[in-house]
Amino acid sequence: MKKLFLLWLTMMKIGLFTFGGGYAMLSLLENEFVSKRKWIGSEEFLDMVAIAESTPGPIAINAATYIGYRVGRVPGAVFGTVGVVTPSFCIIYLISLFFRQFLEIAWVAAAFRGIQVAVVFLIFSAAIRLFRKLTKTPFCLTVFILVSLAAVVLSLLGVGFSSLWFILIGAALGLAAYLFALLHRDKGEEEKP
């Protein structure tokens, strides 16, 4: 029970101090659960990011649910999810009560401009950390370069392209590479006397 409470408290803290959504949250999750507490490993964290991104729903909630389940099974998933959602829910509820007046406050508008810059840094920082831990095979690097170039070009051209398509294309390429390697291996075994 102590571990579940600690999980909930940690997720509350991350949920309270993360601005910019799930991608900005990734570096905090990695620092807290991989580096500091060592509840999950680096490789599993990368897998968790892939799963959280490719399953329906916000990446922050999916990541919290996954980590919670990993730490404490179903109760852990509930504690992790509730912990990460509670601060946002409370803050949005309070803001909704005074939304119009809230937006007219000059210092609030200035604070949000500063927060936007910090969010860009957090997302960029998470991307660099994930890239460093990526297994740098020729296949992985090729997919990374192609997806990065496609994302930049599509963004510059103003073309709306869902990140889900990048994930599905990456999955298809990974399966194709796996099947190619499997077929190549099987042919090599057949040719041996």
N, C-alpha and C. Protein backbone atom coordinates (compact mmCIF):
# COMPACT_ATOMS: atom_id res chain seq x y z
N MET A 1 0.83 -1.20 0.00
CA MET A 1 0.00 0.00 0.00
C MET A 1 0.87 1.26 0.00
N LYS A 2 2.02 1.17 0.69
CA LYS A 2 2.91 2.32 0.74
C LYS A 2 3.45 2.65 -0.65
N LYS A 3 3.76 1.61 -1.43
CA LYS A 3 4.27 1.81 -2.79
C LYS A 3 3.20 2.43 -3.68
N LEU A 4 1.95 2.00 -3.51
CA LEU A 4 0.85 2.57 -4.29
C LEU A 4 0.64 4.04 -3.95
N PHE A 5 0.72 4.38 -2.67
CA PHE A 5 0.58 5.77 -2.27
C PHE A 5 1.73 6.61 -2.84
N LEU A 6 2.93 6.07 -2.80
CA LEU A 6 4.09 6.77 -3.36
C LEU A 6 3.92 6.95 -4.86
N LEU A 7 3.41 5.94 -5.55
CA LEU A 7 3.13 6.04 -6.98
C LEU A 7 2.12 7.15 -7.24
N TRP A 8 1.03 7.16 -6.49
CA TRP A 8 -0.01 8.18 -6.65
C TRP A 8 0.55 9.58 -6.40
N LEU A 9 1.32 9.73 -5.34
CA LEU A 9 1.91 11.03 -5.00
C LEU A 9 2.88 11.50 -6.09
N THR A 10 3.69 10.59 -6.60
CA THR A 10 4.64 10.93 -7.65
C THR A 10 3.91 11.34 -8.92
N MET A 11 2.88 10.60 -9.28
CA MET A 11 2.10 10.94 -10.47
C MET A 11 1.37 12.27 -10.28
N MET A 12 0.90 12.54 -9.07
CA MET A 12 0.27 13.83 -8.78
C MET A 12 1.26 14.96 -9.00
N LYS A 13 2.47 14.77 -8.48
CA LYS A 13 3.51 15.80 -8.62
C LYS A 13 3.83 16.03 -10.10
N ILE A 14 4.00 14.96 -10.84
CA ILE A 14 4.31 15.09 -12.27
C ILE A 14 3.14 15.74 -13.00
N GLY A 15 1.92 15.31 -12.69
CA GLY A 15 0.74 15.90 -13.32
C GLY A 15 0.56 17.36 -12.99
N LEU A 16 0.95 17.75 -11.80
CA LEU A 16 0.79 19.14 -11.37
C LEU A 16 1.80 20.07 -12.01
N PHE A 17 3.02 19.59 -12.23
CA PHE A 17 4.08 20.47 -12.71
C PHE A 17 4.47 20.24 -14.17
N THR A 18 3.65 19.51 -14.91
CA THR A 18 3.94 19.31 -16.32
C THR A 18 2.96 20.13 -17.14
N PHE A 19 3.50 21.04 -17.92
CA PHE A 19 2.70 21.83 -18.84
C PHE A 19 3.07 21.40 -20.25
N GLY A 20 2.08 21.26 -21.10
CA GLY A 20 2.36 20.92 -22.49
C GLY A 20 1.98 19.50 -22.87
N GLY A 21 1.37 18.76 -21.98
CA GLY A 21 0.89 17.44 -22.34
C GLY A 21 1.89 16.33 -22.10
N GLY A 22 1.54 15.18 -22.64
CA GLY A 22 2.28 13.96 -22.38
C GLY A 22 3.72 13.96 -22.86
N TYR A 23 3.97 14.58 -24.02
CA TYR A 23 5.34 14.57 -24.52
C TYR A 23 6.26 15.35 -23.59
N ALA A 24 5.76 16.43 -23.05
CA ALA A 24 6.56 17.20 -22.09
C ALA A 24 6.75 16.41 -20.80
N MET A 25 5.82 15.52 -20.52
CA MET A 25 5.87 14.72 -19.29
C MET A 25 6.87 13.58 -19.37
N LEU A 26 7.24 13.16 -20.57
CA LEU A 26 8.09 11.98 -20.73
C LEU A 26 9.42 12.09 -20.00
N SER A 27 10.06 13.25 -20.07
CA SER A 27 11.36 13.38 -19.40
C SER A 27 11.20 13.30 -17.89
N LEU A 28 10.09 13.83 -17.35
CA LEU A 28 9.85 13.74 -15.91
C LEU A 28 9.56 12.29 -15.50
N LEU A 29 8.77 11.60 -16.30
CA LEU A 29 8.48 10.19 -16.01
C LEU A 29 9.76 9.35 -16.03
N GLU A 30 10.59 9.60 -17.04
CA GLU A 30 11.83 8.85 -17.14
C GLU A 30 12.74 9.13 -15.95
N ASN A 31 12.86 10.39 -15.60
CA ASN A 31 13.71 10.75 -14.47
C ASN A 31 13.22 10.11 -13.17
N GLU A 32 11.92 10.14 -12.97
CA GLU A 32 11.34 9.65 -11.72
C GLU A 32 11.33 8.13 -11.62
N PHE A 33 10.93 7.44 -12.70
CA PHE A 33 10.70 6.00 -12.61
C PHE A 33 11.84 5.14 -13.15
N VAL A 34 12.69 5.71 -14.01
CA VAL A 34 13.83 4.95 -14.53
C VAL A 34 15.09 5.31 -13.76
N SER A 35 15.40 6.60 -13.69
CA SER A 35 16.66 7.02 -13.07
C SER A 35 16.61 7.00 -11.54
N LYS A 36 15.57 7.64 -10.98
CA LYS A 36 15.52 7.81 -9.53
C LYS A 36 15.05 6.55 -8.79
N ARG A 37 13.87 6.05 -9.13
CA ARG A 37 13.28 4.92 -8.38
C ARG A 37 13.67 3.55 -8.96
N LYS A 38 14.05 3.53 -10.23
CA LYS A 38 14.44 2.29 -10.92
C LYS A 38 13.32 1.24 -10.89
N TRP A 39 12.08 1.71 -11.03
CA TRP A 39 10.94 0.80 -11.06
C TRP A 39 10.78 0.16 -12.43
N ILE A 40 11.27 0.83 -13.49
CA ILE A 40 11.29 0.22 -14.82
C ILE A 40 12.64 0.55 -15.46
N GLY A 41 13.05 -0.28 -16.41
CA GLY A 41 14.34 -0.09 -17.08
C GLY A 41 14.24 0.84 -18.28
N SER A 42 15.38 1.23 -18.82
CA SER A 42 15.43 2.15 -19.96
C SER A 42 14.76 1.56 -21.19
N GLU A 43 15.04 0.29 -21.48
CA GLU A 43 14.44 -0.36 -22.65
C GLU A 43 12.93 -0.44 -22.49
N GLU A 44 12.48 -0.80 -21.30
CA GLU A 44 11.04 -0.89 -21.07
C GLU A 44 10.39 0.48 -21.17
N PHE A 45 11.11 1.53 -20.75
CA PHE A 45 10.58 2.89 -20.87
C PHE A 45 10.35 3.24 -22.34
N LEU A 46 11.29 2.88 -23.19
CA LEU A 46 11.12 3.13 -24.63
C LEU A 46 9.91 2.36 -25.16
N ASP A 47 9.76 1.12 -24.72
CA ASP A 47 8.59 0.33 -25.13
C ASP A 47 7.30 0.97 -24.63
N MET A 48 7.34 1.46 -23.40
CA MET A 48 6.17 2.11 -22.82
C MET A 48 5.78 3.34 -23.63
N VAL A 49 6.77 4.13 -24.07
CA VAL A 49 6.47 5.32 -24.87
C VAL A 49 5.80 4.90 -26.18
N ALA A 50 6.31 3.86 -26.81
CA ALA A 50 5.71 3.37 -28.06
C ALA A 50 4.28 2.89 -27.83
N ILE A 51 4.05 2.17 -26.75
CA ILE A 51 2.71 1.67 -26.45
C ILE A 51 1.77 2.82 -26.10
N ALA A 52 2.24 3.74 -25.27
CA ALA A 52 1.40 4.88 -24.85
C ALA A 52 1.04 5.76 -26.03
N GLU A 53 1.95 5.91 -26.99
CA GLU A 53 1.69 6.73 -28.16
C GLU A 53 0.75 6.04 -29.13
N SER A 54 0.85 4.74 -29.24
CA SER A 54 0.09 4.04 -30.28
C SER A 54 -1.29 3.55 -29.81
N THR A 55 -1.57 3.62 -28.53
CA THR A 55 -2.90 3.22 -28.05
C THR A 55 -3.81 4.44 -27.96
N PRO A 56 -5.11 4.25 -28.08
CA PRO A 56 -6.03 5.39 -28.03
C PRO A 56 -5.95 6.11 -26.68
N GLY A 57 -6.11 7.41 -26.71
CA GLY A 57 -6.11 8.22 -25.51
C GLY A 57 -4.85 9.06 -25.39
N PRO A 58 -4.87 9.97 -24.44
CA PRO A 58 -3.70 10.84 -24.24
C PRO A 58 -2.48 10.06 -23.78
N ILE A 59 -1.33 10.43 -24.29
CA ILE A 59 -0.08 9.72 -23.98
C ILE A 59 0.23 9.78 -22.48
N ALA A 60 -0.10 10.90 -21.83
CA ALA A 60 0.19 11.04 -20.40
C ALA A 60 -0.58 10.01 -19.58
N ILE A 61 -1.85 9.85 -19.89
CA ILE A 61 -2.69 8.90 -19.15
C ILE A 61 -2.27 7.47 -19.47
N ASN A 62 -2.00 7.20 -20.74
CA ASN A 62 -1.56 5.85 -21.12
C ASN A 62 -0.25 5.49 -20.43
N ALA A 63 0.68 6.45 -20.39
CA ALA A 63 1.98 6.20 -19.75
C ALA A 63 1.80 5.97 -18.25
N ALA A 64 0.97 6.79 -17.61
CA ALA A 64 0.73 6.64 -16.17
C ALA A 64 0.07 5.29 -15.87
N THR A 65 -0.87 4.89 -16.72
CA THR A 65 -1.54 3.60 -16.53
C THR A 65 -0.55 2.46 -16.69
N TYR A 66 0.30 2.54 -17.72
CA TYR A 66 1.29 1.49 -17.95
C TYR A 66 2.27 1.38 -16.78
N ILE A 67 2.83 2.51 -16.38
CA ILE A 67 3.80 2.50 -15.27
C ILE A 67 3.13 2.00 -14.00
N GLY A 68 1.91 2.49 -13.75
CA GLY A 68 1.18 2.05 -12.57
C GLY A 68 0.93 0.56 -12.57
N TYR A 69 0.54 0.02 -13.73
CA TYR A 69 0.31 -1.42 -13.82
C TYR A 69 1.60 -2.19 -13.60
N ARG A 70 2.68 -1.67 -14.14
CA ARG A 70 3.98 -2.33 -14.01
C ARG A 70 4.43 -2.36 -12.54
N VAL A 71 4.10 -1.30 -11.82
CA VAL A 71 4.53 -1.18 -10.42
C VAL A 71 3.58 -1.94 -9.48
N GLY A 72 2.28 -1.86 -9.72
CA GLY A 72 1.34 -2.46 -8.77
C GLY A 72 0.14 -3.13 -9.38
N ARG A 73 0.29 -3.67 -10.59
CA ARG A 73 -0.79 -4.37 -11.30
C ARG A 73 -2.02 -3.47 -11.44
N VAL A 74 -3.23 -4.01 -11.31
CA VAL A 74 -4.45 -3.23 -11.54
C VAL A 74 -4.60 -2.08 -10.53
N PRO A 75 -4.38 -2.32 -9.23
CA PRO A 75 -4.46 -1.17 -8.31
C PRO A 75 -3.43 -0.08 -8.65
N GLY A 76 -2.24 -0.50 -9.08
CA GLY A 76 -1.21 0.47 -9.47
C GLY A 76 -1.63 1.28 -10.68
N ALA A 77 -2.27 0.61 -11.64
CA ALA A 77 -2.76 1.31 -12.83
C ALA A 77 -3.79 2.37 -12.45
N VAL A 78 -4.67 2.01 -11.52
CA VAL A 78 -5.70 2.96 -11.06
C VAL A 78 -5.05 4.12 -10.32
N PHE A 79 -4.16 3.83 -9.38
CA PHE A 79 -3.49 4.88 -8.61
C PHE A 79 -2.67 5.80 -9.51
N GLY A 80 -1.94 5.22 -10.46
CA GLY A 80 -1.12 6.02 -11.37
C GLY A 80 -1.97 6.92 -12.24
N THR A 81 -3.04 6.38 -12.79
CA THR A 81 -3.91 7.14 -13.67
C THR A 81 -4.62 8.26 -12.91
N VAL A 82 -5.19 7.92 -11.78
CA VAL A 82 -5.89 8.94 -10.97
C VAL A 82 -4.91 10.01 -10.50
N GLY A 83 -3.70 9.59 -10.13
CA GLY A 83 -2.70 10.56 -9.68
C GLY A 83 -2.32 11.56 -10.75
N VAL A 84 -2.13 11.11 -11.98
CA VAL A 84 -1.69 12.03 -13.03
C VAL A 84 -2.84 12.91 -13.53
N VAL A 85 -4.08 12.44 -13.42
CA VAL A 85 -5.24 13.18 -13.91
C VAL A 85 -5.76 14.21 -12.91
N THR A 86 -5.66 13.92 -11.63
CA THR A 86 -6.26 14.76 -10.60
C THR A 86 -5.83 16.24 -10.66
N PRO A 87 -4.55 16.57 -10.76
CA PRO A 87 -4.18 17.99 -10.80
C PRO A 87 -4.78 18.72 -12.01
N SER A 88 -4.71 18.10 -13.18
CA SER A 88 -5.27 18.75 -14.37
C SER A 88 -6.77 18.95 -14.23
N PHE A 89 -7.44 17.93 -13.73
CA PHE A 89 -8.89 18.04 -13.56
C PHE A 89 -9.24 19.20 -12.62
N CYS A 90 -8.56 19.27 -11.48
CA CYS A 90 -8.85 20.33 -10.50
C CYS A 90 -8.53 21.71 -11.06
N ILE A 91 -7.40 21.84 -11.73
CA ILE A 91 -7.00 23.14 -12.27
C ILE A 91 -7.97 23.58 -13.38
N ILE A 92 -8.29 22.68 -14.28
CA ILE A 92 -9.22 23.03 -15.38
C ILE A 92 -10.60 23.35 -14.83
N TYR A 93 -11.02 22.62 -13.81
CA TYR A 93 -12.32 22.91 -13.21
C TYR A 93 -12.33 24.33 -12.61
N LEU A 94 -11.29 24.67 -11.87
CA LEU A 94 -11.21 26.01 -11.28
C LEU A 94 -11.12 27.10 -12.35
N ILE A 95 -10.33 26.84 -13.39
CA ILE A 95 -10.21 27.82 -14.47
C ILE A 95 -11.55 28.00 -15.17
N SER A 96 -12.28 26.90 -15.37
CA SER A 96 -13.56 27.00 -16.08
C SER A 96 -14.56 27.87 -15.32
N LEU A 97 -14.43 27.93 -14.02
CA LEU A 97 -15.33 28.78 -13.23
C LEU A 97 -15.08 30.26 -13.49
N PHE A 98 -13.83 30.59 -13.78
CA PHE A 98 -13.46 32.00 -13.96
C PHE A 98 -12.72 32.21 -15.29
N PHE A 99 -13.10 31.45 -16.31
CA PHE A 99 -12.33 31.41 -17.55
C PHE A 99 -12.16 32.79 -18.19
N ARG A 100 -13.23 33.51 -18.38
CA ARG A 100 -13.15 34.80 -19.05
C ARG A 100 -12.28 35.77 -18.27
N GLN A 101 -12.50 35.84 -16.97
CA GLN A 101 -11.70 36.74 -16.14
C GLN A 101 -10.24 36.29 -16.08
N PHE A 102 -10.02 35.00 -16.10
CA PHE A 102 -8.67 34.43 -16.02
C PHE A 102 -7.83 34.84 -17.23
N LEU A 103 -8.42 34.80 -18.42
CA LEU A 103 -7.68 35.13 -19.64
C LEU A 103 -7.36 36.61 -19.76
N GLU A 104 -8.10 37.45 -19.06
CA GLU A 104 -7.88 38.89 -19.14
C GLU A 104 -6.77 39.39 -18.21
N ILE A 105 -6.27 38.54 -17.34
CA ILE A 105 -5.21 38.93 -16.41
C ILE A 105 -3.88 38.96 -17.17
N ALA A 106 -3.22 40.11 -17.17
CA ALA A 106 -1.99 40.29 -17.96
C ALA A 106 -0.87 39.36 -17.51
N TRP A 107 -0.70 39.19 -16.21
CA TRP A 107 0.41 38.34 -15.74
C TRP A 107 0.16 36.88 -16.06
N VAL A 108 -1.10 36.45 -16.16
CA VAL A 108 -1.41 35.07 -16.55
C VAL A 108 -1.02 34.85 -18.01
N ALA A 109 -1.37 35.81 -18.86
CA ALA A 109 -1.01 35.72 -20.29
C ALA A 109 0.51 35.68 -20.45
N ALA A 110 1.22 36.51 -19.69
CA ALA A 110 2.69 36.52 -19.76
C ALA A 110 3.28 35.20 -19.27
N ALA A 111 2.71 34.66 -18.20
CA ALA A 111 3.19 33.38 -17.67
C ALA A 111 3.01 32.28 -18.71
N PHE A 112 1.86 32.27 -19.40
CA PHE A 112 1.63 31.23 -20.40
C PHE A 112 2.59 31.34 -21.58
N ARG A 113 2.99 32.55 -21.94
CA ARG A 113 3.99 32.71 -23.02
C ARG A 113 5.32 32.08 -22.58
N GLY A 114 5.71 32.28 -21.32
CA GLY A 114 6.93 31.67 -20.80
C GLY A 114 6.81 30.16 -20.72
N ILE A 115 5.65 29.68 -20.32
CA ILE A 115 5.42 28.24 -20.23
C ILE A 115 5.53 27.59 -21.60
N GLN A 116 5.04 28.26 -22.65
CA GLN A 116 5.12 27.70 -24.01
C GLN A 116 6.57 27.43 -24.40
N VAL A 117 7.47 28.36 -24.07
CA VAL A 117 8.89 28.18 -24.39
C VAL A 117 9.44 26.98 -23.62
N ALA A 118 9.10 26.87 -22.36
CA ALA A 118 9.58 25.76 -21.55
C ALA A 118 9.06 24.43 -22.06
N VAL A 119 7.83 24.40 -22.54
CA VAL A 119 7.24 23.17 -23.06
C VAL A 119 7.99 22.69 -24.30
N VAL A 120 8.35 23.63 -25.18
CA VAL A 120 9.13 23.25 -26.36
C VAL A 120 10.44 22.61 -25.93
N PHE A 121 11.09 23.16 -24.93
CA PHE A 121 12.33 22.58 -24.43
C PHE A 121 12.10 21.19 -23.85
N LEU A 122 11.04 21.01 -23.06
CA LEU A 122 10.77 19.70 -22.45
C LEU A 122 10.51 18.63 -23.51
N ILE A 123 9.77 18.98 -24.55
CA ILE A 123 9.50 18.02 -25.62
C ILE A 123 10.79 17.68 -26.36
N PHE A 124 11.59 18.70 -26.67
CA PHE A 124 12.87 18.49 -27.36
C PHE A 124 13.80 17.64 -26.51
N SER A 125 13.84 17.92 -25.21
CA SER A 125 14.69 17.17 -24.28
C SER A 125 14.27 15.70 -24.23
N ALA A 126 12.97 15.45 -24.18
CA ALA A 126 12.47 14.06 -24.17
C ALA A 126 12.85 13.35 -25.46
N ALA A 127 12.74 14.05 -26.59
CA ALA A 127 13.10 13.45 -27.88
C ALA A 127 14.58 13.08 -27.92
N ILE A 128 15.43 13.95 -27.42
CA ILE A 128 16.87 13.66 -27.42
C ILE A 128 17.18 12.47 -26.52
N ARG A 129 16.56 12.40 -25.36
CA ARG A 129 16.79 11.27 -24.45
C ARG A 129 16.34 9.96 -25.08
N LEU A 130 15.18 9.97 -25.71
CA LEU A 130 14.68 8.75 -26.35
C LEU A 130 15.59 8.34 -27.50
N PHE A 131 16.09 9.32 -28.27
CA PHE A 131 16.99 9.00 -29.38
C PHE A 131 18.29 8.39 -28.87
N ARG A 132 18.82 8.92 -27.78
CA ARG A 132 20.06 8.37 -27.23
C ARG A 132 19.91 6.91 -26.83
N LYS A 133 18.72 6.53 -26.36
CA LYS A 133 18.51 5.16 -25.90
C LYS A 133 18.06 4.22 -27.01
N LEU A 134 17.79 4.78 -28.19
CA LEU A 134 17.37 3.98 -29.31
C LEU A 134 18.51 3.07 -29.76
N THR A 135 18.18 1.82 -30.06
CA THR A 135 19.17 0.90 -30.61
C THR A 135 19.50 1.40 -32.02
N LYS A 136 20.72 1.79 -32.23
CA LYS A 136 21.09 2.48 -33.46
C LYS A 136 21.55 1.51 -34.55
N THR A 137 20.62 0.68 -35.00
CA THR A 137 20.88 -0.20 -36.14
C THR A 137 20.63 0.62 -37.42
N PRO A 138 21.17 0.17 -38.54
CA PRO A 138 20.89 0.89 -39.80
C PRO A 138 19.39 1.04 -40.07
N PHE A 139 18.63 -0.01 -39.76
CA PHE A 139 17.18 0.06 -39.97
C PHE A 139 16.55 1.15 -39.12
N CYS A 140 16.86 1.16 -37.81
CA CYS A 140 16.28 2.15 -36.90
C CYS A 140 16.66 3.57 -37.30
N LEU A 141 17.92 3.77 -37.65
CA LEU A 141 18.37 5.10 -38.06
C LEU A 141 17.70 5.53 -39.35
N THR A 142 17.52 4.61 -40.30
CA THR A 142 16.85 4.95 -41.56
C THR A 142 15.41 5.36 -41.31
N VAL A 143 14.69 4.59 -40.50
CA VAL A 143 13.29 4.92 -40.19
C VAL A 143 13.23 6.26 -39.45
N PHE A 144 14.15 6.48 -38.51
CA PHE A 144 14.19 7.74 -37.77
C PHE A 144 14.39 8.93 -38.71
N ILE A 145 15.34 8.81 -39.61
CA ILE A 145 15.63 9.91 -40.54
C ILE A 145 14.44 10.16 -41.48
N LEU A 146 13.86 9.09 -42.01
CA LEU A 146 12.73 9.24 -42.92
C LEU A 146 11.52 9.87 -42.23
N VAL A 147 11.22 9.40 -41.03
CA VAL A 147 10.07 9.95 -40.29
C VAL A 147 10.34 11.40 -39.91
N SER A 148 11.55 11.71 -39.47
CA SER A 148 11.89 13.09 -39.10
C SER A 148 11.76 14.02 -40.29
N LEU A 149 12.34 13.61 -41.43
CA LEU A 149 12.24 14.43 -42.64
C LEU A 149 10.79 14.61 -43.08
N ALA A 150 10.03 13.53 -43.07
CA ALA A 150 8.63 13.62 -43.47
C ALA A 150 7.85 14.55 -42.54
N ALA A 151 8.10 14.43 -41.25
CA ALA A 151 7.39 15.28 -40.28
C ALA A 151 7.73 16.76 -40.50
N VAL A 152 9.01 17.06 -40.71
CA VAL A 152 9.42 18.46 -40.93
C VAL A 152 8.84 18.99 -42.22
N VAL A 153 8.96 18.22 -43.30
CA VAL A 153 8.46 18.67 -44.61
C VAL A 153 6.95 18.88 -44.56
N LEU A 154 6.22 17.93 -43.99
CA LEU A 154 4.76 18.06 -43.90
C LEU A 154 4.36 19.25 -43.04
N SER A 155 5.10 19.50 -41.95
CA SER A 155 4.80 20.65 -41.09
C SER A 155 5.06 21.96 -41.83
N LEU A 156 6.18 22.04 -42.55
CA LEU A 156 6.51 23.26 -43.29
C LEU A 156 5.50 23.53 -44.40
N LEU A 157 4.99 22.47 -45.00
CA LEU A 157 4.00 22.63 -46.07
C LEU A 157 2.58 22.84 -45.52
N GLY A 158 2.43 22.71 -44.22
CA GLY A 158 1.12 22.89 -43.60
C GLY A 158 0.16 21.74 -43.85
N VAL A 159 0.70 20.57 -44.12
CA VAL A 159 -0.12 19.39 -44.38
C VAL A 159 -0.41 18.70 -43.05
N GLY A 160 -1.68 18.50 -42.77
CA GLY A 160 -2.06 17.78 -41.55
C GLY A 160 -1.85 16.29 -41.74
N PHE A 161 -0.97 15.71 -40.94
CA PHE A 161 -0.68 14.28 -41.04
C PHE A 161 -0.60 13.74 -39.63
N SER A 162 -1.51 12.86 -39.29
CA SER A 162 -1.59 12.34 -37.93
C SER A 162 -0.34 11.54 -37.57
N SER A 163 0.11 11.70 -36.33
CA SER A 163 1.26 10.93 -35.85
C SER A 163 0.94 9.43 -35.83
N LEU A 164 -0.33 9.10 -35.78
CA LEU A 164 -0.73 7.70 -35.83
C LEU A 164 -0.24 7.04 -37.12
N TRP A 165 -0.27 7.77 -38.23
CA TRP A 165 0.21 7.21 -39.50
C TRP A 165 1.70 6.92 -39.45
N PHE A 166 2.47 7.81 -38.80
CA PHE A 166 3.90 7.55 -38.65
C PHE A 166 4.13 6.27 -37.86
N ILE A 167 3.34 6.08 -36.81
CA ILE A 167 3.47 4.88 -35.98
C ILE A 167 3.12 3.64 -36.79
N LEU A 168 2.01 3.69 -37.53
CA LEU A 168 1.59 2.54 -38.33
C LEU A 168 2.60 2.23 -39.43
N ILE A 169 3.12 3.26 -40.08
CA ILE A 169 4.14 3.05 -41.12
C ILE A 169 5.40 2.44 -40.50
N GLY A 170 5.82 2.97 -39.33
CA GLY A 170 6.99 2.41 -38.64
C GLY A 170 6.77 0.96 -38.26
N ALA A 171 5.56 0.64 -37.78
CA ALA A 171 5.25 -0.74 -37.42
C ALA A 171 5.29 -1.64 -38.66
N ALA A 172 4.73 -1.15 -39.77
CA ALA A 172 4.74 -1.94 -41.01
C ALA A 172 6.17 -2.16 -41.50
N LEU A 173 7.00 -1.14 -41.43
CA LEU A 173 8.40 -1.28 -41.84
C LEU A 173 9.13 -2.28 -40.93
N GLY A 174 8.88 -2.19 -39.63
CA GLY A 174 9.50 -3.12 -38.68
C GLY A 174 9.09 -4.56 -38.96
N LEU A 175 7.80 -4.79 -39.21
CA LEU A 175 7.33 -6.13 -39.54
C LEU A 175 7.92 -6.62 -40.86
N ALA A 176 8.00 -5.72 -41.85
CA ALA A 176 8.58 -6.11 -43.14
C ALA A 176 10.05 -6.50 -42.97
N ALA A 177 10.79 -5.72 -42.18
CA ALA A 177 12.21 -6.04 -41.94
C ALA A 177 12.35 -7.36 -41.21
N TYR A 178 11.47 -7.61 -40.24
CA TYR A 178 11.50 -8.87 -39.50
C TYR A 178 11.22 -10.05 -40.43
N LEU A 179 10.18 -9.92 -41.26
CA LEU A 179 9.83 -11.00 -42.18
C LEU A 179 10.94 -11.23 -43.21
N PHE A 180 11.55 -10.15 -43.68
CA PHE A 180 12.67 -10.28 -44.63
C PHE A 180 13.83 -11.02 -43.99
N ALA A 181 14.16 -10.66 -42.75
CA ALA A 181 15.26 -11.34 -42.05
C ALA A 181 14.92 -12.81 -41.79
N LEU A 182 13.67 -13.08 -41.46
CA LEU A 182 13.23 -14.45 -41.22
C LEU A 182 13.31 -15.29 -42.50
N LEU A 183 12.84 -14.74 -43.60
CA LEU A 183 12.91 -15.45 -44.88
C LEU A 183 14.36 -15.66 -45.30
N HIS A 184 15.18 -14.65 -45.11
CA HIS A 184 16.59 -14.75 -45.47
C HIS A 184 17.28 -15.83 -44.64
N ARG A 185 16.95 -15.89 -43.36
CA ARG A 185 17.54 -16.89 -42.47
C ARG A 185 17.09 -18.30 -42.87
N ASP A 186 15.79 -18.44 -43.18
CA ASP A 186 15.26 -19.75 -43.58
C ASP A 186 15.88 -20.24 -44.88
N LYS A 187 16.10 -19.33 -45.84
CA LYS A 187 16.73 -19.71 -47.10
C LYS A 187 18.16 -20.15 -46.86
N GLY A 188 18.85 -19.46 -45.96
CA GLY A 188 20.24 -19.82 -45.64
C GLY A 188 20.32 -21.19 -45.01
N GLU A 189 19.34 -21.55 -44.18
CA GLU A 189 19.33 -22.87 -43.54
C GLU A 189 19.01 -23.96 -44.53
N GLU A 190 18.15 -23.67 -45.53
CA GLU A 190 17.80 -24.66 -46.53
C GLU A 190 18.98 -24.98 -47.44
N GLU A 191 19.82 -23.98 -47.71
CA GLU A 191 20.95 -24.17 -48.62
C GLU A 191 22.08 -24.96 -47.98
N LYS A 192 22.13 -25.02 -46.65
CA LYS A 192 23.19 -25.78 -45.99
C LYS A 192 22.97 -27.27 -46.18
N PRO A 193 24.05 -28.05 -46.48
CA PRO A 193 23.89 -29.52 -46.68
C PRO A 193 23.62 -30.25 -45.40
